[in-house]
Protein backbone atom coordinates (compact mmCIF):
# COMPACT_ATOMS: atom_id res chain seq x y z
CA MET A 1 62.80 320.05 267.22
CA GLY A 2 61.89 320.78 263.70
CA TRP A 3 57.97 320.40 263.99
CA VAL A 4 58.26 323.30 266.59
CA ARG A 5 59.83 325.52 264.35
CA ASP A 6 57.14 324.81 261.74
CA ALA A 7 54.74 326.64 264.16
CA GLY A 8 54.90 329.98 262.11
CA TRP A 9 52.21 332.23 260.60
CA ALA A 10 51.03 329.60 258.49
CA ALA A 11 50.04 327.73 261.23
CA VAL A 12 48.37 330.39 262.80
CA GLY A 13 46.54 331.00 259.99
CA LEU A 14 45.03 327.94 259.12
CA TRP A 15 44.22 327.51 262.87
CA ALA A 16 42.33 330.92 262.83
CA GLY A 17 40.24 330.12 259.36
CA LEU A 18 39.31 326.72 260.77
CA ALA A 19 38.26 328.16 264.42
CA VAL A 20 35.53 329.87 263.11
CA PRO A 21 33.17 327.40 261.95
CA VAL A 22 33.63 326.04 265.73
CA LEU A 23 32.66 329.26 267.25
CA VAL A 24 29.33 330.08 265.03
CA ALA A 25 28.07 326.84 264.58
CA ASP A 26 26.71 326.33 268.03
CA PRO A 27 25.17 330.23 268.44
CA LEU A 28 23.90 329.80 264.88
CA GLY A 29 21.88 326.61 265.47
CA PHE A 30 23.66 324.24 263.03
CA ASP A 31 25.12 321.81 265.61
CA GLU A 32 23.83 320.66 269.06
CA PRO A 33 25.01 322.92 271.79
CA ARG A 34 27.97 322.11 273.51
CA PRO A 35 29.52 323.55 276.75
CA TRP A 36 32.40 325.94 276.86
CA TRP A 37 35.02 323.63 277.91
CA GLN A 38 34.35 321.11 274.84
CA GLN A 39 34.78 323.98 272.48
CA THR A 40 37.95 325.00 274.48
CA GLY A 41 39.33 321.84 273.98
CA ALA A 42 38.31 321.28 270.35
CA LEU A 43 40.37 324.82 269.53
CA VAL A 44 43.26 323.24 271.47
CA VAL A 45 43.46 320.11 269.13
CA LEU A 46 42.77 322.26 266.37
CA ALA A 47 46.02 324.31 267.23
CA VAL A 48 48.04 321.08 267.63
CA ALA A 49 47.16 319.78 264.79
CA ALA A 50 47.91 322.96 262.69
CA VAL A 51 51.12 322.51 264.22
CA LEU A 52 51.97 318.97 263.16
CA ARG A 53 50.36 319.64 259.55
CA ARG A 54 53.71 318.91 257.98
CA ALA A 55 55.83 317.25 260.36
CA ARG A 56 53.31 314.59 261.16
CA PRO A 57 50.35 314.90 258.82
CA VAL A 58 48.65 311.52 259.98
CA THR A 59 48.76 312.66 263.41
CA ALA A 60 47.14 316.00 262.59
CA PHE A 61 44.55 314.40 260.68
CA LEU A 62 43.69 311.81 263.22
CA LEU A 63 43.14 314.43 265.75
CA VAL A 64 40.76 316.49 263.76
CA ALA A 65 39.08 313.42 262.88
CA SER A 66 38.47 312.13 266.70
CA LEU A 67 36.68 315.77 267.16
CA SER A 68 34.43 314.93 264.47
CA VAL A 69 33.85 311.48 265.78
CA ALA A 70 33.15 312.38 268.67
CA ALA A 71 30.67 315.21 267.85
CA ALA A 72 28.55 313.70 264.89
CA ALA A 73 29.47 310.00 264.91
CA PRO A 74 28.98 307.99 262.82
CA ALA A 75 28.17 310.65 260.19
CA LEU A 76 31.48 312.58 260.44
CA LEU A 77 29.50 315.66 258.93
CA THR A 78 29.08 318.79 261.10
CA VAL A 79 29.35 322.48 260.35
CA ALA A 80 32.07 322.99 262.93
CA PHE A 81 34.42 320.19 262.06
CA GLY A 82 33.66 319.16 258.87
CA PRO A 83 35.93 321.93 257.04
CA SER A 84 38.55 321.22 259.66
CA LEU A 85 38.39 317.19 258.42
CA ALA A 86 38.59 318.13 254.86
CA ALA A 87 41.42 320.70 255.16
CA PHE A 88 43.53 317.96 257.01
CA ALA A 89 42.89 315.10 254.63
CA LEU A 90 43.96 317.62 251.70
CA LEU A 91 47.32 318.24 253.83
CA MET A 92 47.68 314.58 254.60
CA GLY A 93 47.63 314.16 250.74
CA LEU A 94 50.28 317.06 250.23
CA TRP A 95 52.44 316.18 253.11
CA ALA A 96 52.59 312.64 253.94
CA ASP A 97 55.03 310.50 252.20
CA ARG A 98 53.39 307.08 251.95
CA THR A 99 49.82 306.23 251.54
CA GLY A 100 49.72 303.14 253.93
CA PRO A 101 49.18 305.20 256.89
CA ALA A 102 46.29 307.39 255.23
CA LEU A 103 44.42 304.50 254.34
CA ALA A 104 44.84 302.79 257.61
CA ALA A 105 43.34 306.02 259.10
CA PHE A 106 40.50 305.88 256.58
CA GLY A 107 39.95 302.37 257.74
CA ALA A 108 40.16 303.33 261.58
CA LEU A 109 37.45 305.92 260.80
CA LEU A 110 35.22 303.61 258.84
CA ALA A 111 35.34 301.05 261.48
CA LEU A 112 34.76 303.33 264.26
CA GLY A 113 31.51 304.82 262.61
CA GLY A 114 30.54 301.28 261.72
CA ALA A 115 30.86 300.40 265.39
CA ARG A 116 28.83 303.18 266.50
CA ILE A 117 25.97 302.58 263.94
CA ALA A 118 25.94 298.69 265.39
CA VAL A 119 25.79 300.18 268.77
CA ARG A 120 22.87 302.65 268.50
CA ASN A 121 21.20 300.30 265.88
CA VAL A 122 18.89 302.78 264.32
CA ASP A 123 18.36 302.98 260.83
CA PRO A 124 21.87 301.05 260.26
CA VAL A 125 21.62 300.86 256.39
CA THR A 126 21.04 304.74 256.06
CA GLU A 127 23.77 305.58 258.62
CA ALA A 128 26.01 303.39 256.80
CA LEU A 129 25.45 304.81 253.39
CA VAL A 130 25.66 308.38 255.07
CA LEU A 131 29.13 307.31 256.89
CA VAL A 132 30.77 306.25 253.35
CA ALA A 133 29.66 309.21 251.35
CA ALA A 134 31.15 311.64 254.01
CA LEU A 135 34.17 309.51 254.02
CA LEU A 136 34.28 309.63 250.47
CA PHE A 137 33.47 313.30 249.83
CA VAL A 138 34.72 314.91 252.59
CA VAL A 139 38.04 312.87 253.49
CA VAL A 140 39.05 310.90 250.43
CA LEU A 141 38.52 313.04 247.56
CA PRO A 142 40.48 315.96 249.40
CA TRP A 143 43.23 313.45 250.22
CA LEU A 144 43.30 312.63 246.50
CA GLY A 145 43.78 316.25 245.77
CA GLY A 146 46.44 316.61 248.00
CA ARG A 147 48.41 313.65 246.42
CA ASN A 148 47.75 314.76 243.04
CA ARG A 149 49.36 318.48 244.07
CA ARG A 150 52.26 316.57 245.59
CA GLN A 151 53.10 314.44 242.78
CA GLY A 152 52.77 317.30 240.27
CA ARG A 153 54.93 319.49 242.66
CA ALA A 154 57.67 316.60 242.49
CA LEU A 155 57.13 316.07 238.92
CA ALA A 156 58.22 319.96 238.12
CA GLU A 157 61.06 319.72 240.90
CA ALA A 158 62.11 316.42 238.79
CA GLY A 159 61.75 318.57 235.52
CA TRP A 160 64.02 321.28 236.87
CA ALA A 161 66.66 318.92 238.22
CA ARG A 162 66.31 317.02 234.57
CA ALA A 163 66.96 320.20 232.84
CA GLN A 164 70.15 321.07 234.92
CA GLN A 165 71.22 317.53 234.28
CA LEU A 166 70.86 317.99 230.65
CA GLU A 167 72.20 321.31 230.96
CA ARG A 168 75.76 319.57 232.51
CA GLU A 169 75.36 316.70 230.14
CA GLN A 170 75.73 319.11 227.11
CA ARG A 171 78.51 320.83 228.48
CA ILE A 172 80.50 317.51 228.82
CA VAL A 173 79.15 316.48 225.21
CA ALA A 174 80.85 319.92 223.95
CA ASP A 175 83.78 319.22 225.89
CA ARG A 176 84.11 315.81 224.54
CA ALA A 177 83.48 317.08 220.87
CA ARG A 178 86.20 319.49 221.38
CA LEU A 179 88.68 316.84 222.63
CA ARG A 180 87.60 315.02 219.86
CA GLU A 181 88.25 317.62 217.26
CA ARG A 182 91.80 317.89 218.86
CA ALA A 183 92.59 314.31 218.82
CA ARG A 184 91.26 314.23 214.91
CA ILE A 185 93.36 317.43 214.34
CA ALA A 186 96.38 316.11 216.19
CA GLN A 187 95.96 312.41 214.03
CA ASP A 188 95.81 313.99 211.03
CA MET A 189 98.97 316.11 211.87
CA HIS A 190 100.67 313.17 212.77
CA ASP A 191 100.02 311.18 209.76
CA SER A 192 100.21 313.98 206.90
CA LEU A 193 102.64 316.65 208.10
CA GLY A 194 104.78 314.24 210.22
CA HIS A 195 105.46 312.27 207.22
CA GLU A 196 106.05 315.38 205.20
CA LEU A 197 108.90 316.65 207.88
CA SER A 198 110.15 312.99 207.78
CA LEU A 199 110.97 312.97 204.08
CA ILE A 200 112.22 316.52 204.14
CA ALA A 201 114.61 315.49 206.86
CA LEU A 202 115.46 312.47 204.64
CA ARG A 203 115.72 314.31 201.55
CA ALA A 204 118.27 316.50 203.38
CA GLY A 205 120.15 313.80 204.56
CA ALA A 206 120.50 312.70 201.14
CA LEU A 207 121.58 316.09 199.66
CA GLN A 208 124.32 316.31 202.32
CA VAL A 209 126.03 313.04 201.76
CA ALA A 210 125.92 314.08 197.85
CA ARG A 211 129.82 314.11 196.39
CA ASP A 212 129.17 317.40 194.19
CA LEU A 213 127.60 319.59 196.70
CA PRO A 214 129.77 322.71 197.81
CA PRO A 215 131.06 322.77 201.48
CA ARG A 216 128.94 325.58 202.56
CA HIS A 217 125.88 324.12 200.87
CA ARG A 218 126.72 320.99 202.62
CA ALA A 219 126.57 323.00 206.32
CA ALA A 220 123.08 324.29 205.12
CA THR A 221 121.75 321.20 204.21
CA ALA A 222 123.00 319.48 207.70
CA GLU A 223 121.14 322.76 209.40
CA LEU A 224 118.22 321.95 207.27
CA ARG A 225 118.06 318.14 208.10
CA SER A 226 118.78 319.14 211.87
CA ALA A 227 115.73 321.87 211.75
CA ALA A 228 113.15 319.48 210.17
CA ALA A 229 114.01 316.76 212.90
CA VAL A 230 113.59 319.51 215.53
CA ALA A 231 110.44 320.55 213.84
CA THR A 232 109.43 316.98 213.79
CA ASP A 233 110.16 316.46 217.36
CA ARG A 234 108.00 319.71 218.26
CA LEU A 235 105.39 318.44 216.01
CA HIS A 236 105.41 315.23 218.36
CA ALA A 237 104.91 317.53 221.54
CA ILE A 238 102.18 319.38 220.20
CA ILE A 239 100.52 316.21 219.17
CA GLY A 240 100.88 314.93 222.86
CA VAL A 241 99.52 318.25 224.04
CA LEU A 242 96.40 318.37 221.78
CA ARG A 243 95.42 314.42 222.51
CA GLU A 244 94.37 313.63 226.23
CA PRO A 245 96.23 310.51 227.71
CA ASP A 246 92.57 308.81 227.77
CA GLU A 247 91.24 309.78 224.59
CA PRO A 248 90.68 307.24 221.87
CA LEU A 249 92.10 307.66 218.78
CA PRO A 250 90.20 308.33 215.80
CA LEU A 251 89.37 305.14 213.79
CA THR A 252 89.18 307.00 210.17
CA PRO A 253 92.71 308.23 208.54
CA ALA A 254 93.17 311.41 206.65
CA PRO A 255 92.53 310.84 202.92
CA THR A 256 96.06 310.63 201.47
CA ASP A 257 97.78 309.45 198.47
CA SER A 258 97.72 305.43 197.36
CA VAL A 259 100.45 303.14 198.48
CA GLU A 260 102.39 303.40 195.01
CA SER A 261 102.60 307.23 195.42
CA LEU A 262 103.60 307.00 198.76
CA VAL A 263 106.57 304.64 198.06
CA ARG A 264 107.41 306.50 195.01
CA ARG A 265 107.79 309.67 197.13
CA ALA A 266 109.50 308.22 199.31
CA ALA A 267 111.77 306.60 197.04
CA ALA A 268 112.35 310.08 195.51
CA SER A 269 113.36 311.87 198.79
CA GLY A 270 116.10 309.02 198.59
CA MET A 271 114.69 306.32 201.14
CA PRO A 272 115.88 302.74 199.66
CA VAL A 273 112.50 301.19 199.60
CA ARG A 274 110.81 298.89 197.06
CA MET A 275 107.62 297.14 196.37
CA VAL A 276 107.96 293.35 196.45
CA ASP A 277 104.95 290.38 195.50
CA ALA A 278 102.40 292.89 194.00
CA VAL A 279 99.54 290.99 192.51
CA PRO A 280 98.38 292.03 189.30
CA ASP A 281 94.79 292.20 188.33
CA PRO A 282 93.53 289.79 185.67
CA GLU A 283 92.91 292.89 183.13
CA PRO A 284 94.37 296.30 183.27
CA PRO A 285 91.48 298.53 183.31
CA PRO A 286 91.24 300.61 180.24
CA THR A 287 92.11 303.98 180.36
CA ALA A 288 89.15 306.48 180.22
CA PRO A 289 88.79 309.11 177.50
CA GLY A 290 90.39 312.37 178.03
CA VAL A 291 93.11 310.32 180.67
CA THR A 292 96.55 310.17 179.90
CA ALA A 293 99.08 307.72 181.61
CA ALA A 294 102.22 309.42 184.07
CA PRO A 295 105.43 309.40 182.07
CA ALA A 296 107.54 306.40 183.54
CA ASP A 297 110.44 308.90 184.09
CA GLN A 298 108.05 310.77 186.95
CA VAL A 299 108.14 307.26 188.83
CA GLY A 300 111.19 306.61 190.98
CA PRO A 301 113.38 303.74 190.08
CA ALA A 302 113.07 301.85 193.04
CA VAL A 303 109.32 301.31 192.75
CA ARG A 304 109.27 300.96 188.98
CA GLY A 305 108.78 297.49 187.62
CA GLU A 306 110.63 295.53 185.04
CA ASP A 307 108.72 296.71 182.34
CA GLY A 308 108.71 300.41 183.54
CA VAL A 309 105.59 300.25 184.98
CA PRO A 310 105.26 301.38 188.75
CA ARG A 311 103.74 299.02 191.00
CA ALA A 312 100.35 299.39 192.21
CA TYR A 313 98.86 299.04 195.58
CA GLY A 314 97.37 295.32 195.70
CA SER A 315 97.57 295.45 191.65
CA ALA A 316 99.65 296.49 188.42
CA ARG A 317 97.18 299.54 188.30
CA ARG A 318 98.90 302.49 186.14
CA GLN A 319 98.85 305.89 187.86
CA LEU A 320 96.76 308.08 185.71
CA ARG A 321 96.43 311.82 185.63
CA THR A 322 93.20 313.78 184.81
CA PRO A 323 93.88 316.91 182.67
CA GLY A 324 90.52 318.12 183.81
CA GLY A 325 90.67 317.25 187.41
CA GLU A 326 90.82 319.26 190.53
CA ALA A 327 94.05 321.59 190.03
CA GLY A 328 95.57 318.67 187.95
CA VAL A 329 96.15 316.51 191.08
CA PRO A 330 96.98 312.69 190.00
CA ARG A 331 94.73 310.16 191.38
CA ALA A 332 95.51 306.50 191.57
CA TYR A 333 93.03 304.73 189.21
CA GLY A 334 90.32 302.81 191.26
CA SER A 335 91.50 304.06 194.73
CA ALA A 336 89.09 307.42 194.40
CA GLY A 337 86.07 305.43 194.32
CA GLU A 338 83.61 305.72 191.53
CA GLY A 339 83.33 309.43 190.69
CA PRO A 340 85.96 312.08 190.91
CA GLY A 341 86.47 313.44 194.46
CA ALA A 342 84.55 310.31 196.02
CA PRO A 343 86.51 308.90 198.99
CA PRO A 344 88.19 305.87 198.72
CA PRO A 345 87.00 302.60 200.71
CA LEU A 346 88.09 302.83 204.51
CA ALA A 347 89.77 299.51 204.28
CA GLU A 348 92.04 301.10 201.42
CA GLN A 349 92.56 304.24 203.60
CA VAL A 350 93.98 302.22 206.40
CA ALA A 351 96.01 300.30 204.58
CA ARG A 352 97.73 303.36 202.89
CA GLY A 353 97.95 304.75 206.63
CA VAL A 354 100.02 301.53 207.45
CA VAL A 355 102.29 302.16 204.89
CA GLN A 356 102.44 305.71 205.46
CA GLU A 357 103.09 305.56 209.22
CA ALA A 358 105.61 302.50 208.84
CA LEU A 359 107.89 304.86 206.06
CA THR A 360 107.57 307.68 208.47
CA ASN A 361 108.87 305.50 211.28
CA ALA A 362 111.64 303.98 209.23
CA ALA A 363 112.67 307.64 208.11
CA LYS A 364 112.81 308.69 211.59
CA HIS A 365 114.09 305.75 213.75
CA ALA A 366 116.22 303.97 211.27
CA PRO A 367 117.46 306.32 208.57
CA GLY A 368 119.35 304.91 205.68
CA ALA A 369 118.09 301.56 206.41
CA PRO A 370 116.71 299.56 203.29
CA VAL A 371 112.48 299.34 203.39
CA THR A 372 110.45 296.77 201.47
CA VAL A 373 106.67 297.31 200.74
CA ARG A 374 104.60 294.44 200.46
CA ALA A 375 100.82 295.02 199.62
CA VAL A 376 98.63 291.71 199.05
CA ARG A 377 95.04 291.85 198.07
CA ASP A 378 93.09 288.92 197.79
CA PRO A 379 89.10 288.00 197.70
CA LEU A 380 89.13 287.99 201.83
CA GLY A 381 90.92 291.19 202.35
CA THR A 382 94.17 292.95 202.01
CA THR A 383 97.80 292.15 203.55
CA VAL A 384 100.32 295.06 204.12
CA THR A 385 103.77 293.96 205.51
CA VAL A 386 106.15 296.73 205.68
CA VAL A 387 110.11 295.72 206.69
CA SER A 388 112.82 298.28 207.56
CA GLY A 389 116.25 297.23 208.18
CA PRO A 390 118.97 298.28 210.62
CA PRO A 391 120.26 301.43 210.44
CA ARG A 392 123.62 302.34 208.69
CA ASP A 393 125.12 304.38 211.91
CA ALA A 394 123.04 303.98 214.70
CA PRO A 395 120.98 301.34 216.61
CA VAL A 396 117.28 300.95 215.87
CA THR A 397 114.90 302.36 218.11
CA VAL A 398 111.45 301.29 218.74
CA PRO A 399 108.74 303.89 217.86
CA GLY A 400 107.08 305.24 220.88
CA GLY A 401 104.86 307.86 219.84
CA SER A 402 101.28 307.64 219.16
CA GLY A 403 101.24 306.24 215.29
CA LEU A 404 101.35 302.43 215.82
CA PRO A 405 98.86 302.70 218.36
CA GLY A 406 96.53 304.05 216.39
CA LEU A 407 97.07 301.93 213.68
CA ARG A 408 96.51 299.18 215.66
CA ALA A 409 93.09 300.66 216.64
CA ARG A 410 92.04 301.72 213.29
CA VAL A 411 92.76 297.96 212.02
CA THR A 412 91.21 296.14 215.03
CA ALA A 413 88.14 298.40 214.45
CA LEU A 414 87.61 296.74 211.14
CA GLY A 415 87.62 293.19 212.40
CA GLY A 416 91.79 292.77 211.28
CA THR A 417 95.08 292.05 212.92
CA PHE A 418 97.89 294.41 213.52
CA GLU A 419 101.45 293.49 214.48
CA ALA A 420 104.36 295.52 214.88
CA GLY A 421 107.98 294.75 216.70
CA HIS A 422 111.33 293.65 215.76
CA HIS A 423 111.81 290.52 213.51
CA GLY A 424 115.56 289.73 213.84
CA THR A 425 117.49 292.32 213.39
CA ASP A 426 114.61 294.37 211.34
CA PHE A 427 111.50 295.86 212.54
CA ARG A 428 108.43 294.77 210.82
CA VAL A 429 104.77 296.05 210.67
CA HIS A 430 102.17 293.35 209.57
CA ALA A 431 98.38 294.35 209.15
CA ARG A 432 95.56 291.96 207.80
CA ILE A 433 92.54 294.46 206.62
CA PRO A 434 89.15 291.93 205.66
CA GLY A 435 87.81 293.15 202.43
CA HIS A 436 84.48 293.42 204.21
CA PRO A 437 85.04 294.82 207.46
CA ALA A 438 83.40 293.76 210.39
CA PRO A 439 83.04 295.25 213.99
CA GLY A 440 85.84 294.55 215.89
CA PRO A 441 86.89 295.55 219.30
CA THR A 442 86.61 299.31 219.56
CA PRO A 443 87.60 301.99 222.39
CA GLU A 444 84.58 303.12 224.26
CA PRO A 445 82.56 305.62 222.13
CA THR A 446 82.44 308.98 223.14
CA PRO A 447 79.20 310.89 222.79
CA GLY A 448 79.52 313.56 220.39
CA PRO A 449 77.35 316.26 218.15
CA ALA A 450 76.09 313.84 215.96
CA ALA A 451 74.36 311.75 219.02
CA GLU A 452 71.99 315.26 219.33
CA PRO A 453 68.63 315.23 218.50
CA ALA A 454 67.15 317.66 215.75
CA SER A 455 64.30 318.72 217.93
CA GLY A 456 63.02 318.58 221.49
CA PRO A 457 64.72 318.72 224.49
CA VAL A 458 68.41 319.31 224.68
CA GLY A 459 70.27 315.99 225.05
CA ALA A 460 66.88 313.98 225.19
CA ALA A 461 67.80 311.54 222.82
CA ARG A 462 70.96 310.55 225.00
CA PHE A 463 69.11 308.64 227.37
CA PRO A 464 66.65 305.70 227.68
CA ALA A 465 63.40 306.39 227.23
CA GLY A 466 61.51 306.48 230.42
CA ALA A 467 64.76 307.13 232.66
CA VAL A 468 63.75 310.66 233.51
CA THR A 469 60.12 310.35 234.64
CA ALA A 470 60.26 306.83 236.12
CA SER A 471 61.38 308.07 239.60
CA VAL A 472 58.76 310.91 239.63
CA ARG A 473 56.27 309.61 237.34
CA PRO A 474 52.70 309.12 239.32
CA PRO A 475 51.89 305.64 239.98
CA ARG A 476 49.88 303.97 237.26
CA ARG A 477 47.11 303.26 239.83
CA THR A 478 46.71 307.21 240.49
CA LEU A 479 44.34 307.90 237.54
CA PRO A 480 42.31 304.74 237.98
CA ALA A 481 41.78 305.72 241.84
CA VAL A 482 41.36 309.43 240.73
CA VAL A 483 38.07 308.03 238.22
CA ALA A 484 36.98 305.22 240.70
CA VAL A 485 36.84 307.19 243.75
CA PRO A 486 34.11 309.96 242.43
CA ALA A 487 32.52 306.96 240.67
CA ALA A 488 32.04 304.63 243.57
CA GLY A 489 31.09 308.26 245.49
CA ALA A 490 28.31 308.88 242.99
CA VAL A 491 27.08 305.28 243.14
CA PHE A 492 26.83 305.08 246.80
CA LEU A 493 25.44 308.85 246.77
CA GLY A 494 22.53 307.52 244.48
CA GLY A 495 22.30 304.27 246.78
CA ALA A 496 21.83 306.65 249.91
CA LEU A 497 19.33 308.67 248.17
CA ALA A 498 17.30 306.04 246.86
CA TRP A 499 17.55 304.11 250.44
CA TYR A 500 16.34 307.76 252.00
CA ALA A 501 13.25 308.05 249.84
CA TYR A 502 12.24 304.29 250.36
CA ALA A 503 12.93 304.73 254.02
CA GLU A 504 10.76 308.03 254.18
CA ALA A 505 8.07 306.70 251.95
CA ARG A 506 7.76 304.26 254.82
CA THR A 507 7.08 306.40 257.31
CA VAL A 508 4.16 308.44 255.90
CA LEU A 509 1.11 307.93 258.07
CA ALA A 510 -2.15 309.30 255.94
CA PRO A 511 -3.94 312.16 257.21
CA SER A 512 -7.13 310.18 256.97
CA VAL A 513 -6.11 307.12 258.95
CA TYR A 514 -4.64 309.75 261.40
CA ALA A 515 -8.08 311.00 261.73
CA GLY A 516 -9.74 307.94 262.42
CA LEU A 517 -7.33 306.92 265.46
CA ARG A 518 -9.28 306.85 268.70
CA PRO A 519 -7.63 307.30 272.10
CA GLY A 520 -7.86 303.98 274.05
CA THR A 521 -7.09 301.62 271.22
CA THR A 522 -4.01 299.34 271.80
CA LEU A 523 -1.25 299.41 269.58
CA ASP A 524 -1.61 296.12 268.38
CA ALA A 525 -4.83 296.78 267.45
CA LEU A 526 -3.27 299.87 265.45
CA ARG A 527 -0.41 297.84 263.76
CA ALA A 528 -2.31 297.30 260.82
CA GLU A 529 -3.06 301.08 260.02
CA LEU A 530 0.44 302.38 260.99
CA PRO A 531 3.00 302.64 258.81
CA GLU A 532 5.85 299.85 259.47
CA ARG A 533 8.40 302.31 260.42
CA ALA A 534 8.47 305.56 262.82
CA VAL A 535 10.64 308.39 262.06
CA PRO A 536 14.24 307.68 263.70
CA ASP A 537 14.97 311.19 264.00
CA PRO A 538 11.73 313.22 265.21
CA PRO A 539 11.57 316.82 265.51
CA ARG A 540 11.16 316.66 269.36
CA ASP A 541 12.19 320.55 269.77
CA ARG A 542 9.26 321.61 268.18
CA ALA A 543 7.11 318.91 269.47
CA PRO A 544 4.39 319.90 272.49
CA ALA A 545 5.34 318.39 275.80
CA VAL A 546 5.18 314.97 276.42
CA PRO A 547 1.74 313.88 278.10
CA ALA A 548 1.67 312.63 281.60
CA GLY A 549 1.56 308.68 281.66
CA ALA A 550 3.03 308.17 278.31
CA ASP A 551 5.58 305.56 278.03
CA GLU A 552 6.72 305.76 274.35
CA CYS A 553 5.72 308.36 271.61
CA ARG A 554 6.14 307.72 267.96
CA TYR A 555 6.39 310.05 265.06
CA TYR A 556 5.37 309.68 261.55
CA ARG A 557 5.50 311.98 258.61
CA ALA A 558 2.27 313.51 257.77
CA ASP A 559 3.32 314.13 254.14
CA GLY A 560 5.49 312.11 251.46
CA GLU A 561 7.38 314.89 250.13
CA LEU A 562 10.96 314.82 250.18
CA PHE A 563 13.91 317.23 250.73
CA THR A 564 11.66 319.65 252.68
CA THR A 565 10.22 320.39 256.14
CA VAL A 566 6.61 318.63 256.41
CA PRO A 567 4.43 317.98 259.76
CA TYR A 568 4.41 315.31 261.92
CA PHE A 569 2.13 312.98 263.56
CA ARG A 570 3.03 312.33 267.10
CA LEU A 571 1.44 308.96 268.76
CA CYS A 572 1.83 308.39 272.69
CA PHE A 573 1.22 305.07 274.11
CA ASP A 574 1.33 304.30 278.19
CA GLY A 575 3.07 301.30 279.49
CA ASP A 576 0.29 298.94 278.37
CA GLY A 577 0.60 300.03 274.87
CA VAL A 578 -2.66 302.04 274.95
CA LEU A 579 -3.02 305.20 272.66
CA ILE A 580 -3.22 308.03 275.22
CA ALA A 581 -2.57 311.13 273.13
CA LYS A 582 -2.12 312.20 269.32
CA ASP A 583 -0.97 315.49 268.27
CA VAL A 584 0.38 317.10 265.01
CA VAL A 585 3.81 318.70 265.02
CA PRO A 586 4.02 321.81 262.77
CA ARG A 587 6.66 322.19 259.89
CA ALA A 588 9.91 323.90 261.02
CA THR A 589 8.90 327.40 259.61
CA THR A 590 5.95 327.67 261.94
CA GLY A 591 8.17 327.78 265.16
CA ARG A 592 8.04 325.45 268.18
CA ALA A 593 4.64 323.91 269.06
CA GLY A 594 1.58 326.07 268.89
CA PRO A 595 -1.63 326.49 267.19
CA ALA A 596 -1.07 325.01 263.90
CA PRO A 597 -1.26 326.54 260.51
CA ASP A 598 -4.50 326.58 258.68
CA HIS A 599 -3.86 323.83 256.24
CA GLU A 600 -2.53 321.80 259.17
CA ALA A 601 -5.17 322.59 261.58
CA ARG A 602 -7.90 321.42 258.81
CA MET A 603 -6.15 317.83 259.14
CA PRO A 604 -8.69 315.36 260.53
CA GLY A 605 -8.28 314.88 263.82
CA ALA A 606 -5.51 317.57 264.32
CA SER A 607 -4.51 318.83 267.73
CA SER A 608 -1.84 320.31 269.58
CA GLY A 609 -2.22 318.69 273.09
CA ASP A 610 -3.43 315.65 275.20
CA VAL A 611 -6.33 313.50 273.22
CA ARG A 612 -7.91 311.21 275.78
């Protein structure tokens, strides 16, 4: 059994330490002498309790409490078993899982002590106060100390477990952050590099069919087109490796050119693409100082309007070039925010991403097919439609990569709608993006580095407040109990001291009254002169021998001084209630009965023998 294996050196040391008071209390005169077999039985009970202290802490406490009750009921305070009672109360608080059995044990002790007080019927108020004070200070207070230690230990263990959990969570967060970065890189490669490779293949295809190209260059162009197609396939394979199957696609597209730039570049690469139904702004925006319009001859014919001005995305904006811009890169007017280099709005980025992906798919899956791009902006949002016709020399294949799912995730995340599929013999991509994006259905968010707190425990901000310590936090009633129990003990102790002073004062017999007592006087005649109470625990061990014929002897304090030894007066009465003897019992420091000290011998009527 587990509790038997628990009987190790700790149990032996505990038993040896608690056995010392049991062995020395009687020889030193601290407790009433007991026969040897009682001491032996007490040592055996202590040994069993030491073995059971962890497996059965309540049982061990009750065993030791039974020794205290048998030795000093109802006070529970003895030199022999008081340390054992406090020690096992502490161990019960340290090892007991529940408080109910401990409280039941305390109630049983209180009930047993109260029953003993009622049976004895000797100064019940004082004994009840002593019992309650002993129970509070010798039993309950050590038990609360053990409970506090147990909760502190559990809190420390939970803290270490929490730290380990946070480390694991931090590693998971770091892994997820790396996966998100890989997915973002893969998406950027798909959007930008994939589009460029498709345009390269498209240009090579257009060059291959040029009539004035020499045969040797035609073969090189065919190889270039084939290499671009292979590079595109390998790019998609790499993207598939970088992206986890269940990883949500990034919702923010990479910055790219405007819609008209995308269409113009595709047209310049040989793709038969055109923009239709562009809605002009009421008034074209003015040209900023130092900014010149791009020459019309740099714009592909497929996207040039009737007046030679390229159709801008959603408006009749002119393509402007800033001479002092960064590296002279052209920017679409109004598409780069208010200041130079400012990112465009997310909705416009998503719209351009739809056009870019649709053009890339058209170049890859339906080469040579005519493509129309329609971008319409209204006060409620933007509608983008890209339609590609059937290819000239091969059947249309449905795109099966990650581009269209990524577009769908981006558009729906802004609260828009997205459709992609066959429309008759054509393939159509249609997206509606609201002007003021509202939250839409989004993939399950993944915690990233941005969610980490700036300070404090690592990862603590990722968990709800109070979730860590709720299971190990000490109950709210613990602190009031720790405060209330000593306060109640102080109240009981103060009450006990007050009652003790009151009770002892009512047992004092004035020396002058004692001197006037004459043997032969009846008890009834002396009641008016005697105190209301006699001493409940008289010092019989140092009193003279009881005189012959005495039926009852009463002891009274000769001095009202408290918390010190005082002399006593003893009055002995026969069966008829007649005073037959009066004696002075000396102080404890004077030894047993004998000649009284000078100051006691000078008491009126003092004697140490029978007085008749």
